[in-house]
Amino acid sequence: MRPKGMRAIRTTRSLNRSPRATSREQQVAELARLEHEKARLSRELDVWRQNAARTNDQLERVEVRLNELRELLRADEPVPIRPAHPRRRPAERRDDDEGEWKTVSLEY
């Protein structure tokens, strides 16, 4: 196990003073603690593997799409371009509204 920082590094003094489980209760407590730690680490490893599998799937899909795009560009065919959304036509002006102002009453 690697130390997380300078404070976690064991010196010769701390190695000599390291507590050993002397009584049966302490040994059982340490055993339980280590079993919980092992279960936690195995869950963490499972999550990591699932994330790695999902990332690999996404990477494969990106590679497939890249290859498709490269093939389209090599074929020297015009790539069909479609607009992202249809454009709206501007509203048509009516001749009878030209020059007229509409009044709005505002009360406080």
Protein backbone atom coordinates (compact mmCIF):
# COMPACT_ATOMS: atom_id res chain seq x y z
CA MET A 1 0.00 0.00 0.00
CA ARG A 2 1.42 3.38 -1.05
CA PRO A 3 1.42 6.28 1.38
CA LYS A 4 -0.92 9.14 0.53
CA GLY A 5 1.40 11.82 1.81
CA MET A 6 4.42 12.57 3.95
CA ARG A 7 2.47 11.98 7.17
CA ALA A 8 1.56 8.46 6.08
CA ILE A 9 5.18 7.37 5.61
CA ARG A 10 6.23 5.00 8.39
CA THR A 11 9.51 5.68 10.17
CA THR A 12 11.58 3.26 12.24
CA ARG A 13 10.10 4.73 15.41
CA SER A 14 6.52 4.31 14.25
CA LEU A 15 7.25 0.80 12.99
CA ASN A 16 8.48 -0.21 16.45
CA ARG A 17 5.43 1.32 18.09
CA SER A 18 2.84 -0.04 15.68
CA PRO A 19 -0.05 -1.49 17.67
CA ARG A 20 -0.54 -5.19 17.39
CA ALA A 21 -3.82 -6.79 18.23
CA THR A 22 -3.01 -8.59 21.45
CA SER A 23 -6.39 -9.63 22.72
CA ARG A 24 -8.90 -11.78 20.89
CA GLU A 25 -11.40 -8.89 20.76
CA GLN A 26 -8.86 -6.66 19.05
CA GLN A 27 -8.01 -9.38 16.54
CA VAL A 28 -11.69 -9.92 15.74
CA ALA A 29 -12.20 -6.15 15.35
CA GLU A 30 -9.23 -5.89 13.00
CA LEU A 31 -10.48 -8.89 11.01
CA ALA A 32 -13.91 -7.28 10.63
CA ARG A 33 -12.37 -3.95 9.62
CA LEU A 34 -10.20 -5.63 6.99
CA GLU A 35 -13.17 -7.61 5.61
CA HIS A 36 -15.16 -4.39 5.23
CA GLU A 37 -12.21 -2.73 3.53
CA LYS A 38 -11.86 -5.68 1.16
CA ALA A 39 -15.59 -5.52 0.29
CA ARG A 40 -15.35 -1.75 -0.30
CA LEU A 41 -12.33 -2.13 -2.55
CA SER A 42 -13.97 -4.90 -4.57
CA ARG A 43 -17.07 -2.70 -5.08
CA GLU A 44 -14.84 0.16 -6.15
CA LEU A 45 -13.05 -2.13 -8.60
CA ASP A 46 -16.39 -3.28 -10.06
CA VAL A 47 -17.49 0.31 -10.59
CA TRP A 48 -14.17 1.11 -12.21
CA ARG A 49 -14.49 -1.85 -14.58
CA GLN A 50 -18.04 -0.83 -15.53
CA ASN A 51 -16.87 2.71 -16.24
CA ALA A 52 -13.96 1.36 -18.28
CA ALA A 53 -16.31 -0.86 -20.31
CA ARG A 54 -18.67 2.06 -20.98
CA THR A 55 -15.76 4.27 -22.00
CA ASN A 56 -14.46 1.58 -24.36
CA ASP A 57 -17.91 1.31 -25.99
CA GLN A 58 -18.04 5.07 -26.51
CA LEU A 59 -14.52 5.04 -27.92
CA GLU A 60 -15.44 2.29 -30.38
CA ARG A 61 -18.49 4.27 -31.56
CA VAL A 62 -16.33 7.34 -32.10
CA GLU A 63 -13.79 5.28 -34.06
CA VAL A 64 -16.55 3.86 -36.28
CA ARG A 65 -17.92 7.35 -36.98
CA LEU A 66 -14.42 8.68 -37.70
CA ASN A 67 -13.85 5.90 -40.23
CA GLU A 68 -17.21 6.61 -41.89
CA LEU A 69 -16.36 10.29 -42.22
CA ARG A 70 -12.91 9.51 -43.60
CA GLU A 71 -14.45 7.23 -46.23
CA LEU A 72 -16.92 9.94 -47.24
CA LEU A 73 -14.11 12.45 -47.60
CA ARG A 74 -11.97 10.04 -49.63
CA ALA A 75 -14.78 9.30 -52.06
CA ASP A 76 -14.70 12.92 -53.29
CA GLU A 77 -18.45 12.91 -53.23
CA PRO A 78 -20.20 16.00 -52.06
CA VAL A 79 -21.30 15.54 -48.51
CA PRO A 80 -25.01 16.30 -48.19
CA ILE A 81 -25.47 19.28 -45.94
CA ARG A 82 -28.82 19.82 -44.34
CA PRO A 83 -29.72 22.80 -42.25
CA ALA A 84 -29.91 22.29 -38.51
CA HIS A 85 -33.40 23.78 -38.45
CA PRO A 86 -35.63 25.32 -41.10
CA ARG A 87 -35.48 29.07 -41.31
CA ARG A 88 -38.55 31.10 -40.63
CA ARG A 89 -39.74 33.49 -43.24
CA PRO A 90 -40.09 37.04 -42.01
CA ALA A 91 -43.62 38.19 -41.38
CA GLU A 92 -45.11 39.92 -44.39
CA ARG A 93 -46.07 43.53 -43.96
CA ARG A 94 -49.56 44.58 -44.82
CA ASP A 95 -49.95 47.77 -46.74
CA ASP A 96 -52.89 48.98 -44.66
CA ASP A 97 -50.80 49.01 -41.41
CA GLU A 98 -48.14 51.28 -42.82
CA GLY A 99 -47.92 54.60 -41.05
CA GLU A 100 -50.50 53.81 -38.39
CA TRP A 101 -49.76 53.82 -34.71
CA LYS A 102 -51.68 51.78 -32.19
CA THR A 103 -52.40 53.30 -28.82
CA VAL A 104 -52.18 51.40 -25.59
CA SER A 105 -53.54 52.71 -22.31
CA LEU A 106 -51.40 52.20 -19.24
CA GLU A 107 -52.68 52.72 -15.71
CA TYR A 108 -50.57 52.90 -12.56
